[in-house]
Amino acid sequence: MLKYEATVGGTMPLISLIEKNLVGNEILSIRGIFNGTCNYILTRMMEEKYTYSYALTEAQELGIAEADPAYDVDGIDTAGKVVILANSIFGMDAKYDDVSVTGIRDITPEALNLAWERGYLVKLIGEVPALTVKPMLVPRRSPLAVGGTLNVASIETDLSGTITVTGLGAGSIETASAIVSDVVSIYTSRQIDP
């Protein structure tokens, strides 16, 4: 048995929610924030008026961002998660090259302030089955308007409407917690079904 919940949303129980609780539903789309590092950087830029480079340096000093943050800030990590969701939830045969990807490097504090004045936040959003990763305007009162290192996903279904799930998405403790959950799930299922 292979579990990979931790690879997609940190502590956010997205895959298990779909596989266990939404079995009778057709999943129409999933969109959300799948990278806590990018969300942290954008949050700090908005709340503290930091430049991109200053917010990135802070994230690195706190251990949220890697020494080489390209995988996160260029949207590569989120694109990988979009591919995993496309293939596992939607039965697609998607590859990284199929995903249209734009990262957050070029977002300025001025752009974030302009969005705020109009009632929006800028968030790096991954969409499945659309296979896109890009900074998008999110209404400030939207369930997708989470801050810090939180990840969030809105699952649109045919029968249950839209369901949103949130969880911490960056940091060593959070990642370890998600991996332990996967391991315990495997162990528990083997105890029930030897």
N, C-alpha and C. Protein backbone atom coordinates (compact mmCIF):
# COMPACT_ATOMS: atom_id res chain seq x y z
N MET A 1 0.85 -1.18 0.00
CA MET A 1 0.00 0.00 0.00
C MET A 1 0.89 1.24 0.00
N LEU A 2 0.54 2.19 -0.83
CA LEU A 2 1.28 3.44 -0.92
C LEU A 2 0.37 4.59 -0.51
N LYS A 3 0.84 5.41 0.40
CA LYS A 3 0.12 6.62 0.81
C LYS A 3 0.97 7.82 0.46
N TYR A 4 0.33 8.86 -0.02
CA TYR A 4 1.07 10.04 -0.46
C TYR A 4 0.35 11.33 -0.11
N GLU A 5 -0.50 11.26 0.90
CA GLU A 5 -1.23 12.45 1.36
C GLU A 5 -0.27 13.60 1.65
N ALA A 6 0.85 13.28 2.30
CA ALA A 6 1.81 14.30 2.73
C ALA A 6 2.44 15.04 1.55
N THR A 7 2.47 14.41 0.38
CA THR A 7 3.13 15.04 -0.77
C THR A 7 2.31 16.17 -1.38
N VAL A 8 1.02 16.19 -1.11
CA VAL A 8 0.15 17.12 -1.82
C VAL A 8 -0.20 18.37 -1.04
N GLY A 9 -0.40 18.26 0.26
CA GLY A 9 -0.86 19.43 0.99
C GLY A 9 -0.38 19.54 2.41
N GLY A 10 0.77 18.96 2.71
CA GLY A 10 1.25 19.02 4.08
C GLY A 10 0.26 18.33 5.00
N THR A 11 -0.21 19.02 6.01
CA THR A 11 -1.16 18.42 6.96
C THR A 11 -2.60 18.47 6.48
N MET A 12 -2.84 19.02 5.31
CA MET A 12 -4.19 19.13 4.76
C MET A 12 -4.64 17.75 4.25
N PRO A 13 -5.71 17.19 4.83
CA PRO A 13 -6.15 15.84 4.44
C PRO A 13 -6.99 15.82 3.16
N LEU A 14 -6.41 16.20 2.07
CA LEU A 14 -7.14 16.35 0.81
C LEU A 14 -7.48 15.01 0.16
N ILE A 15 -6.48 14.19 -0.07
CA ILE A 15 -6.70 12.93 -0.79
C ILE A 15 -7.59 12.00 0.03
N SER A 16 -7.32 11.88 1.33
CA SER A 16 -8.14 10.98 2.16
C SER A 16 -9.58 11.47 2.23
N LEU A 17 -9.78 12.77 2.27
CA LEU A 17 -11.14 13.31 2.27
C LEU A 17 -11.89 12.88 1.01
N ILE A 18 -11.24 13.00 -0.12
CA ILE A 18 -11.87 12.63 -1.38
C ILE A 18 -12.11 11.13 -1.44
N GLU A 19 -11.10 10.33 -1.09
CA GLU A 19 -11.20 8.87 -1.21
C GLU A 19 -12.16 8.25 -0.21
N LYS A 20 -12.28 8.83 0.99
CA LYS A 20 -13.12 8.23 2.03
C LYS A 20 -14.49 8.88 2.16
N ASN A 21 -14.55 10.19 2.06
CA ASN A 21 -15.79 10.89 2.37
C ASN A 21 -16.57 11.37 1.16
N LEU A 22 -15.94 11.42 0.01
CA LEU A 22 -16.63 11.91 -1.18
C LEU A 22 -16.75 10.83 -2.25
N VAL A 23 -16.78 9.58 -1.81
CA VAL A 23 -16.78 8.44 -2.73
C VAL A 23 -17.95 8.49 -3.70
N GLY A 24 -19.12 8.91 -3.28
CA GLY A 24 -20.29 8.94 -4.15
C GLY A 24 -20.38 10.18 -5.02
N ASN A 25 -19.41 11.03 -4.95
CA ASN A 25 -19.41 12.28 -5.70
C ASN A 25 -18.48 12.21 -6.90
N GLU A 26 -18.84 12.94 -7.94
CA GLU A 26 -17.89 13.17 -9.02
C GLU A 26 -17.13 14.44 -8.65
N ILE A 27 -15.82 14.35 -8.67
CA ILE A 27 -14.99 15.52 -8.38
C ILE A 27 -14.86 16.31 -9.68
N LEU A 28 -15.37 17.53 -9.69
CA LEU A 28 -15.37 18.36 -10.90
C LEU A 28 -14.08 19.16 -11.03
N SER A 29 -13.60 19.67 -9.91
CA SER A 29 -12.35 20.43 -9.94
C SER A 29 -11.78 20.56 -8.54
N ILE A 30 -10.49 20.82 -8.49
CA ILE A 30 -9.80 21.14 -7.24
C ILE A 30 -8.94 22.35 -7.53
N ARG A 31 -9.04 23.35 -6.68
CA ARG A 31 -8.19 24.53 -6.81
C ARG A 31 -7.76 24.96 -5.43
N GLY A 32 -6.52 25.39 -5.34
CA GLY A 32 -6.08 25.81 -4.03
C GLY A 32 -4.63 26.23 -3.95
N ILE A 33 -4.23 26.49 -2.72
CA ILE A 33 -2.85 26.85 -2.40
C ILE A 33 -2.17 25.58 -1.91
N PHE A 34 -1.17 25.13 -2.65
CA PHE A 34 -0.50 23.87 -2.34
C PHE A 34 0.96 24.06 -1.94
N ASN A 35 1.37 25.29 -1.70
CA ASN A 35 2.75 25.55 -1.31
C ASN A 35 2.79 26.58 -0.18
N GLY A 36 3.08 26.11 1.02
CA GLY A 36 3.11 26.98 2.19
C GLY A 36 4.19 28.04 2.13
N THR A 37 5.30 27.74 1.46
CA THR A 37 6.39 28.72 1.35
C THR A 37 5.93 29.93 0.56
N CYS A 38 5.33 29.70 -0.60
CA CYS A 38 4.83 30.82 -1.41
C CYS A 38 3.76 31.60 -0.67
N ASN A 39 2.88 30.88 0.02
CA ASN A 39 1.82 31.56 0.74
C ASN A 39 2.40 32.43 1.86
N TYR A 40 3.42 31.93 2.53
CA TYR A 40 4.08 32.70 3.58
C TYR A 40 4.69 33.98 3.00
N ILE A 41 5.41 33.84 1.91
CA ILE A 41 6.07 35.00 1.28
C ILE A 41 5.03 36.04 0.87
N LEU A 42 3.97 35.61 0.20
CA LEU A 42 2.94 36.55 -0.24
C LEU A 42 2.23 37.20 0.94
N THR A 43 2.00 36.43 2.01
CA THR A 43 1.37 36.98 3.21
C THR A 43 2.24 38.06 3.84
N ARG A 44 3.53 37.78 3.98
CA ARG A 44 4.44 38.76 4.58
C ARG A 44 4.58 40.00 3.71
N MET A 45 4.61 39.81 2.40
CA MET A 45 4.67 40.97 1.50
C MET A 45 3.44 41.85 1.66
N MET A 46 2.27 41.21 1.83
CA MET A 46 1.04 41.98 1.96
C MET A 46 0.94 42.63 3.35
N GLU A 47 1.11 41.84 4.39
CA GLU A 47 0.89 42.33 5.75
C GLU A 47 1.98 43.29 6.23
N GLU A 48 3.22 43.00 5.88
CA GLU A 48 4.34 43.79 6.39
C GLU A 48 4.93 44.74 5.35
N LYS A 49 4.38 44.68 4.14
CA LYS A 49 4.87 45.52 3.03
C LYS A 49 6.32 45.19 2.67
N TYR A 50 6.72 43.95 2.89
CA TYR A 50 8.07 43.51 2.54
C TYR A 50 8.22 43.38 1.04
N THR A 51 9.44 43.54 0.57
CA THR A 51 9.74 43.20 -0.82
C THR A 51 9.78 41.68 -0.93
N TYR A 52 9.70 41.19 -2.15
CA TYR A 52 9.79 39.75 -2.38
C TYR A 52 11.10 39.20 -1.79
N SER A 53 12.22 39.84 -2.08
CA SER A 53 13.51 39.31 -1.64
C SER A 53 13.63 39.31 -0.11
N TYR A 54 13.08 40.32 0.55
CA TYR A 54 13.15 40.37 2.01
C TYR A 54 12.28 39.26 2.63
N ALA A 55 11.06 39.09 2.09
CA ALA A 55 10.17 38.04 2.60
C ALA A 55 10.77 36.66 2.36
N LEU A 56 11.41 36.47 1.22
CA LEU A 56 12.06 35.19 0.92
C LEU A 56 13.20 34.93 1.90
N THR A 57 14.03 35.94 2.15
CA THR A 57 15.14 35.78 3.09
C THR A 57 14.62 35.42 4.48
N GLU A 58 13.56 36.08 4.91
CA GLU A 58 12.96 35.77 6.20
C GLU A 58 12.49 34.32 6.23
N ALA A 59 11.82 33.88 5.18
CA ALA A 59 11.33 32.50 5.11
C ALA A 59 12.48 31.50 5.17
N GLN A 60 13.59 31.82 4.52
CA GLN A 60 14.76 30.95 4.57
C GLN A 60 15.35 30.90 5.98
N GLU A 61 15.43 32.05 6.64
CA GLU A 61 15.98 32.10 7.99
C GLU A 61 15.12 31.32 8.99
N LEU A 62 13.82 31.27 8.74
CA LEU A 62 12.90 30.54 9.62
C LEU A 62 12.81 29.06 9.27
N GLY A 63 13.48 28.64 8.20
CA GLY A 63 13.44 27.24 7.79
C GLY A 63 12.20 26.87 7.00
N ILE A 64 11.45 27.86 6.56
CA ILE A 64 10.25 27.62 5.77
C ILE A 64 10.62 27.41 4.31
N ALA A 65 11.58 28.19 3.83
CA ALA A 65 12.04 28.09 2.44
C ALA A 65 13.42 27.44 2.40
N GLU A 66 13.68 26.73 1.33
CA GLU A 66 14.98 26.08 1.13
C GLU A 66 16.04 27.13 0.80
N ALA A 67 17.30 26.73 0.92
CA ALA A 67 18.40 27.62 0.52
C ALA A 67 18.27 27.99 -0.95
N ASP A 68 17.87 27.02 -1.78
CA ASP A 68 17.54 27.30 -3.19
C ASP A 68 16.02 27.20 -3.31
N PRO A 69 15.34 28.33 -3.28
CA PRO A 69 13.88 28.32 -3.22
C PRO A 69 13.17 28.19 -4.57
N ALA A 70 13.92 28.02 -5.65
CA ALA A 70 13.33 28.01 -6.99
C ALA A 70 12.19 27.01 -7.12
N TYR A 71 12.35 25.85 -6.53
CA TYR A 71 11.34 24.80 -6.62
C TYR A 71 9.99 25.31 -6.11
N ASP A 72 10.03 26.11 -5.04
CA ASP A 72 8.80 26.67 -4.48
C ASP A 72 8.32 27.89 -5.26
N VAL A 73 9.16 28.92 -5.33
CA VAL A 73 8.71 30.22 -5.84
C VAL A 73 8.46 30.25 -7.34
N ASP A 74 9.04 29.32 -8.07
CA ASP A 74 8.78 29.25 -9.51
C ASP A 74 7.57 28.38 -9.84
N GLY A 75 6.90 27.87 -8.81
CA GLY A 75 5.68 27.10 -9.02
C GLY A 75 5.90 25.63 -9.35
N ILE A 76 7.15 25.18 -9.34
CA ILE A 76 7.46 23.79 -9.71
C ILE A 76 6.85 22.81 -8.71
N ASP A 77 6.98 23.10 -7.42
CA ASP A 77 6.42 22.24 -6.38
C ASP A 77 4.91 22.13 -6.53
N THR A 78 4.25 23.26 -6.71
CA THR A 78 2.79 23.25 -6.88
C THR A 78 2.40 22.48 -8.14
N ALA A 79 3.15 22.64 -9.21
CA ALA A 79 2.85 21.90 -10.45
C ALA A 79 2.96 20.40 -10.22
N GLY A 80 3.95 19.97 -9.45
CA GLY A 80 4.07 18.55 -9.14
C GLY A 80 2.85 18.03 -8.39
N LYS A 81 2.34 18.83 -7.48
CA LYS A 81 1.15 18.45 -6.72
C LYS A 81 -0.08 18.42 -7.61
N VAL A 82 -0.17 19.36 -8.54
CA VAL A 82 -1.26 19.36 -9.52
C VAL A 82 -1.23 18.08 -10.34
N VAL A 83 -0.05 17.65 -10.76
CA VAL A 83 0.08 16.41 -11.53
C VAL A 83 -0.36 15.21 -10.69
N ILE A 84 0.07 15.15 -9.43
CA ILE A 84 -0.34 14.05 -8.55
C ILE A 84 -1.86 14.00 -8.43
N LEU A 85 -2.49 15.14 -8.20
CA LEU A 85 -3.95 15.19 -8.07
C LEU A 85 -4.64 14.83 -9.39
N ALA A 86 -4.11 15.34 -10.49
CA ALA A 86 -4.70 15.04 -11.80
C ALA A 86 -4.70 13.54 -12.06
N ASN A 87 -3.59 12.90 -11.77
CA ASN A 87 -3.46 11.47 -12.05
C ASN A 87 -4.20 10.60 -11.05
N SER A 88 -4.13 10.94 -9.76
CA SER A 88 -4.74 10.08 -8.75
C SER A 88 -6.23 10.32 -8.57
N ILE A 89 -6.69 11.53 -8.68
CA ILE A 89 -8.10 11.84 -8.44
C ILE A 89 -8.90 11.87 -9.75
N PHE A 90 -8.31 12.39 -10.81
CA PHE A 90 -9.03 12.55 -12.07
C PHE A 90 -8.69 11.47 -13.09
N GLY A 91 -7.78 10.56 -12.76
CA GLY A 91 -7.43 9.48 -13.68
C GLY A 91 -6.75 9.95 -14.94
N MET A 92 -6.12 11.10 -14.89
CA MET A 92 -5.42 11.63 -16.06
C MET A 92 -4.04 10.99 -16.17
N ASP A 93 -3.37 11.24 -17.25
CA ASP A 93 -1.99 10.80 -17.45
C ASP A 93 -1.13 12.05 -17.65
N ALA A 94 -1.23 12.97 -16.69
CA ALA A 94 -0.56 14.26 -16.80
C ALA A 94 0.91 14.15 -16.42
N LYS A 95 1.70 15.02 -17.01
CA LYS A 95 3.12 15.14 -16.70
C LYS A 95 3.41 16.61 -16.40
N TYR A 96 4.55 16.86 -15.80
CA TYR A 96 4.89 18.24 -15.44
C TYR A 96 4.79 19.18 -16.64
N ASP A 97 5.26 18.74 -17.79
CA ASP A 97 5.24 19.59 -18.98
C ASP A 97 3.84 19.95 -19.45
N ASP A 98 2.83 19.23 -18.96
CA ASP A 98 1.44 19.53 -19.33
C ASP A 98 0.87 20.70 -18.53
N VAL A 99 1.55 21.09 -17.47
CA VAL A 99 1.05 22.13 -16.57
C VAL A 99 1.58 23.50 -17.00
N SER A 100 0.67 24.46 -17.12
CA SER A 100 1.04 25.85 -17.39
C SER A 100 1.43 26.48 -16.05
N VAL A 101 2.70 26.89 -15.92
CA VAL A 101 3.22 27.32 -14.62
C VAL A 101 3.78 28.74 -14.67
N THR A 102 3.33 29.56 -13.72
CA THR A 102 3.90 30.89 -13.48
C THR A 102 4.12 31.01 -11.98
N GLY A 103 5.32 31.39 -11.58
CA GLY A 103 5.64 31.52 -10.16
C GLY A 103 5.35 32.90 -9.61
N ILE A 104 5.94 33.20 -8.45
CA ILE A 104 5.63 34.45 -7.74
C ILE A 104 6.77 35.46 -7.73
N ARG A 105 7.88 35.18 -8.39
CA ARG A 105 9.06 36.06 -8.32
C ARG A 105 8.78 37.51 -8.74
N ASP A 106 7.89 37.70 -9.69
CA ASP A 106 7.66 39.04 -10.24
C ASP A 106 6.55 39.82 -9.54
N ILE A 107 5.99 39.26 -8.48
CA ILE A 107 4.92 39.97 -7.77
C ILE A 107 5.55 41.05 -6.88
N THR A 108 5.02 42.24 -6.98
CA THR A 108 5.54 43.38 -6.22
C THR A 108 4.59 43.75 -5.08
N PRO A 109 5.11 44.42 -4.06
CA PRO A 109 4.23 44.92 -3.01
C PRO A 109 3.16 45.86 -3.57
N GLU A 110 3.51 46.60 -4.61
CA GLU A 110 2.53 47.51 -5.22
C GLU A 110 1.36 46.74 -5.82
N ALA A 111 1.65 45.62 -6.46
CA ALA A 111 0.58 44.79 -7.04
C ALA A 111 -0.30 44.22 -5.94
N LEU A 112 0.31 43.80 -4.84
CA LEU A 112 -0.46 43.27 -3.72
C LEU A 112 -1.35 44.35 -3.10
N ASN A 113 -0.81 45.56 -2.96
CA ASN A 113 -1.60 46.67 -2.41
C ASN A 113 -2.76 47.04 -3.31
N LEU A 114 -2.53 47.06 -4.61
CA LEU A 114 -3.60 47.35 -5.56
C LEU A 114 -4.71 46.30 -5.46
N ALA A 115 -4.32 45.04 -5.38
CA ALA A 115 -5.30 43.96 -5.23
C ALA A 115 -6.10 44.16 -3.94
N TRP A 116 -5.40 44.48 -2.84
CA TRP A 116 -6.05 44.69 -1.55
C TRP A 116 -7.08 45.82 -1.62
N GLU A 117 -6.70 46.91 -2.25
CA GLU A 117 -7.61 48.06 -2.38
C GLU A 117 -8.89 47.68 -3.12
N ARG A 118 -8.82 46.69 -3.96
CA ARG A 118 -9.98 46.25 -4.74
C ARG A 118 -10.68 45.04 -4.12
N GLY A 119 -10.25 44.65 -2.92
CA GLY A 119 -10.92 43.57 -2.20
C GLY A 119 -10.35 42.18 -2.45
N TYR A 120 -9.12 42.12 -2.93
CA TYR A 120 -8.52 40.82 -3.27
C TYR A 120 -7.17 40.63 -2.60
N LEU A 121 -6.74 39.37 -2.59
CA LEU A 121 -5.38 38.99 -2.25
C LEU A 121 -4.80 38.29 -3.47
N VAL A 122 -3.49 38.29 -3.59
CA VAL A 122 -2.83 37.53 -4.66
C VAL A 122 -2.30 36.25 -4.03
N LYS A 123 -2.68 35.12 -4.60
CA LYS A 123 -2.26 33.81 -4.10
C LYS A 123 -1.79 32.95 -5.26
N LEU A 124 -0.83 32.07 -5.01
CA LEU A 124 -0.40 31.11 -6.03
C LEU A 124 -1.37 29.94 -5.99
N ILE A 125 -2.16 29.80 -7.05
CA ILE A 125 -3.24 28.82 -7.10
C ILE A 125 -2.93 27.73 -8.12
N GLY A 126 -3.07 26.49 -7.68
CA GLY A 126 -3.00 25.35 -8.58
C GLY A 126 -4.41 24.88 -8.88
N GLU A 127 -4.66 24.52 -10.15
CA GLU A 127 -6.00 24.08 -10.55
C GLU A 127 -5.94 22.75 -11.29
N VAL A 128 -6.86 21.86 -10.91
CA VAL A 128 -7.00 20.56 -11.54
C VAL A 128 -8.48 20.39 -11.87
N PRO A 129 -8.87 19.91 -13.03
CA PRO A 129 -8.07 19.33 -14.10
C PRO A 129 -7.54 20.35 -15.11
N ALA A 130 -7.65 21.64 -14.81
CA ALA A 130 -7.17 22.66 -15.76
C ALA A 130 -5.66 22.61 -15.97
N LEU A 131 -4.93 22.03 -15.01
CA LEU A 131 -3.46 21.92 -15.07
C LEU A 131 -2.79 23.28 -15.20
N THR A 132 -3.15 24.17 -14.26
CA THR A 132 -2.52 25.49 -14.23
C THR A 132 -1.99 25.78 -12.82
N VAL A 133 -0.92 26.55 -12.78
CA VAL A 133 -0.36 27.09 -11.55
C VAL A 133 0.00 28.53 -11.86
N LYS A 134 -0.63 29.46 -11.14
CA LYS A 134 -0.33 30.87 -11.42
C LYS A 134 -0.83 31.74 -10.27
N PRO A 135 -0.23 32.92 -10.12
CA PRO A 135 -0.77 33.88 -9.16
C PRO A 135 -2.15 34.33 -9.64
N MET A 136 -3.10 34.32 -8.72
CA MET A 136 -4.46 34.71 -9.05
C MET A 136 -5.01 35.64 -7.99
N LEU A 137 -5.99 36.44 -8.40
CA LEU A 137 -6.72 37.27 -7.45
C LEU A 137 -7.75 36.41 -6.74
N VAL A 138 -7.74 36.48 -5.42
CA VAL A 138 -8.68 35.72 -4.59
C VAL A 138 -9.42 36.73 -3.72
N PRO A 139 -10.76 36.73 -3.74
CA PRO A 139 -11.48 37.65 -2.86
C PRO A 139 -11.04 37.47 -1.41
N ARG A 140 -10.90 38.58 -0.69
CA ARG A 140 -10.40 38.52 0.69
C ARG A 140 -11.27 37.68 1.61
N ARG A 141 -12.53 37.54 1.30
CA ARG A 141 -13.43 36.74 2.14
C ARG A 141 -13.60 35.32 1.62
N SER A 142 -12.85 34.95 0.62
CA SER A 142 -12.90 33.61 0.06
C SER A 142 -12.28 32.60 1.01
N PRO A 143 -12.76 31.36 1.01
CA PRO A 143 -12.10 30.32 1.79
C PRO A 143 -10.65 30.09 1.36
N LEU A 144 -10.29 30.52 0.15
CA LEU A 144 -8.92 30.38 -0.33
C LEU A 144 -8.00 31.50 0.16
N ALA A 145 -8.54 32.46 0.90
CA ALA A 145 -7.75 33.61 1.35
C ALA A 145 -7.07 33.34 2.69
N VAL A 146 -6.32 32.25 2.76
CA VAL A 146 -5.61 31.91 4.00
C VAL A 146 -4.22 32.53 3.98
N GLY A 147 -3.64 32.72 5.16
CA GLY A 147 -2.34 33.35 5.24
C GLY A 147 -1.27 32.44 5.80
N GLY A 148 -0.08 32.99 5.96
CA GLY A 148 1.03 32.25 6.54
C GLY A 148 1.41 31.04 5.72
N THR A 149 1.72 29.95 6.41
CA THR A 149 2.13 28.72 5.72
C THR A 149 0.97 27.77 5.46
N LEU A 150 -0.25 28.27 5.61
CA LEU A 150 -1.40 27.40 5.39
C LEU A 150 -1.54 27.01 3.92
N ASN A 151 -2.00 25.79 3.72
CA ASN A 151 -2.45 25.31 2.42
C ASN A 151 -3.96 25.20 2.49
N VAL A 152 -4.61 25.31 1.36
CA VAL A 152 -6.07 25.20 1.31
C VAL A 152 -6.46 24.66 -0.05
N ALA A 153 -7.52 23.86 -0.07
CA ALA A 153 -8.04 23.36 -1.34
C ALA A 153 -9.56 23.38 -1.31
N SER A 154 -10.15 23.85 -2.39
CA SER A 154 -11.60 23.80 -2.57
C SER A 154 -11.89 22.72 -3.60
N ILE A 155 -12.70 21.77 -3.19
CA ILE A 155 -13.06 20.63 -4.02
C ILE A 155 -14.48 20.85 -4.50
N GLU A 156 -14.66 20.99 -5.81
CA GLU A 156 -16.00 21.16 -6.37
C GLU A 156 -16.53 19.79 -6.77
N THR A 157 -17.71 19.45 -6.24
CA THR A 157 -18.31 18.15 -6.52
C THR A 157 -19.67 18.31 -7.17
N ASP A 158 -20.17 17.21 -7.73
CA ASP A 158 -21.49 17.27 -8.36
C ASP A 158 -22.62 17.20 -7.34
N LEU A 159 -22.43 16.51 -6.21
CA LEU A 159 -23.51 16.30 -5.26
C LEU A 159 -23.36 17.09 -3.96
N SER A 160 -22.16 17.26 -3.50
CA SER A 160 -21.92 17.88 -2.19
C SER A 160 -21.53 19.35 -2.27
N GLY A 161 -21.57 19.92 -3.46
CA GLY A 161 -21.18 21.31 -3.61
C GLY A 161 -19.67 21.48 -3.51
N THR A 162 -19.25 22.59 -2.97
CA THR A 162 -17.82 22.87 -2.82
C THR A 162 -17.42 22.68 -1.37
N ILE A 163 -16.40 21.88 -1.17
CA ILE A 163 -15.89 21.57 0.16
C ILE A 163 -14.47 22.10 0.24
N THR A 164 -14.15 22.79 1.32
CA THR A 164 -12.82 23.37 1.47
C THR A 164 -12.12 22.75 2.67
N VAL A 165 -10.84 22.44 2.48
CA VAL A 165 -10.03 21.84 3.54
C VAL A 165 -8.73 22.64 3.66
N THR A 166 -8.27 22.82 4.90
CA THR A 166 -7.09 23.64 5.17
C THR A 166 -6.13 22.89 6.09
N GLY A 167 -4.83 23.16 5.93
CA GLY A 167 -3.83 22.58 6.83
C GLY A 167 -2.49 23.26 6.65
N LEU A 168 -1.62 23.14 7.64
CA LEU A 168 -0.29 23.71 7.54
C LEU A 168 0.49 23.04 6.43
N GLY A 169 1.24 23.84 5.68
CA GLY A 169 1.89 23.30 4.50
C GLY A 169 3.38 23.48 4.39
N ALA A 170 4.02 24.08 5.35
CA ALA A 170 5.48 24.27 5.25
C ALA A 170 6.09 24.13 6.63
N GLY A 171 7.27 23.56 6.66
CA GLY A 171 7.99 23.38 7.91
C GLY A 171 8.25 21.91 8.18
N SER A 172 9.33 21.63 8.87
CA SER A 172 9.74 20.25 9.09
C SER A 172 8.78 19.49 10.00
N ILE A 173 8.27 20.12 11.04
CA ILE A 173 7.34 19.46 11.96
C ILE A 173 6.05 19.11 11.24
N GLU A 174 5.53 20.05 10.46
CA GLU A 174 4.29 19.82 9.74
C GLU A 174 4.44 18.69 8.73
N THR A 175 5.55 18.70 8.01
CA THR A 175 5.80 17.64 7.03
C THR A 175 5.92 16.29 7.73
N ALA A 176 6.65 16.25 8.83
CA ALA A 176 6.79 15.00 9.58
C ALA A 176 5.44 14.50 10.07
N SER A 177 4.60 15.41 10.55
CA SER A 177 3.27 15.04 11.02
C SER A 177 2.45 14.40 9.91
N ALA A 178 2.50 14.97 8.72
CA ALA A 178 1.75 14.43 7.59
C ALA A 178 2.28 13.05 7.19
N ILE A 179 3.58 12.87 7.22
CA ILE A 179 4.17 11.57 6.88
C ILE A 179 3.79 10.53 7.93
N VAL A 180 3.84 10.90 9.20
CA VAL A 180 3.44 9.97 10.27
C VAL A 180 1.98 9.56 10.08
N SER A 181 1.12 10.50 9.70
CA SER A 181 -0.28 10.17 9.45
C SER A 181 -0.41 9.12 8.35
N ASP A 182 0.37 9.26 7.29
CA ASP A 182 0.35 8.27 6.21
C ASP A 182 0.81 6.91 6.72
N VAL A 183 1.89 6.88 7.50
CA VAL A 183 2.42 5.62 8.03
C VAL A 183 1.41 4.96 8.96
N VAL A 184 0.80 5.73 9.86
CA VAL A 184 -0.20 5.18 10.77
C VAL A 184 -1.40 4.65 9.98
N SER A 185 -1.80 5.35 8.95
CA SER A 185 -2.91 4.90 8.11
C SER A 185 -2.60 3.55 7.47
N ILE A 186 -1.39 3.39 6.98
CA ILE A 186 -0.98 2.11 6.38
C ILE A 186 -1.00 1.01 7.44
N TYR A 187 -0.43 1.30 8.60
CA TYR A 187 -0.37 0.31 9.68
C TYR A 187 -1.78 -0.09 10.12
N THR A 188 -2.64 0.90 10.33
CA THR A 188 -4.00 0.63 10.76
C THR A 188 -4.76 -0.20 9.74
N SER A 189 -4.62 0.10 8.48
CA SER A 189 -5.34 -0.65 7.45
C SER A 189 -4.83 -2.09 7.37
N ARG A 190 -3.57 -2.32 7.64
CA ARG A 190 -3.02 -3.69 7.64
C ARG A 190 -3.52 -4.47 8.85
N GLN A 191 -3.80 -3.80 9.95
CA GLN A 191 -4.33 -4.48 11.13
C GLN A 191 -5.76 -4.92 10.90
N ILE A 192 -6.50 -4.13 10.15
CA ILE A 192 -7.90 -4.45 9.86
C ILE A 192 -8.00 -5.49 8.76
N ASP A 193 -7.23 -5.33 7.70
CA ASP A 193 -7.25 -6.23 6.55
C ASP A 193 -5.89 -6.89 6.37
N PRO A 194 -5.58 -7.95 7.14
CA PRO A 194 -4.25 -8.56 7.03
C PRO A 194 -4.03 -9.22 5.67
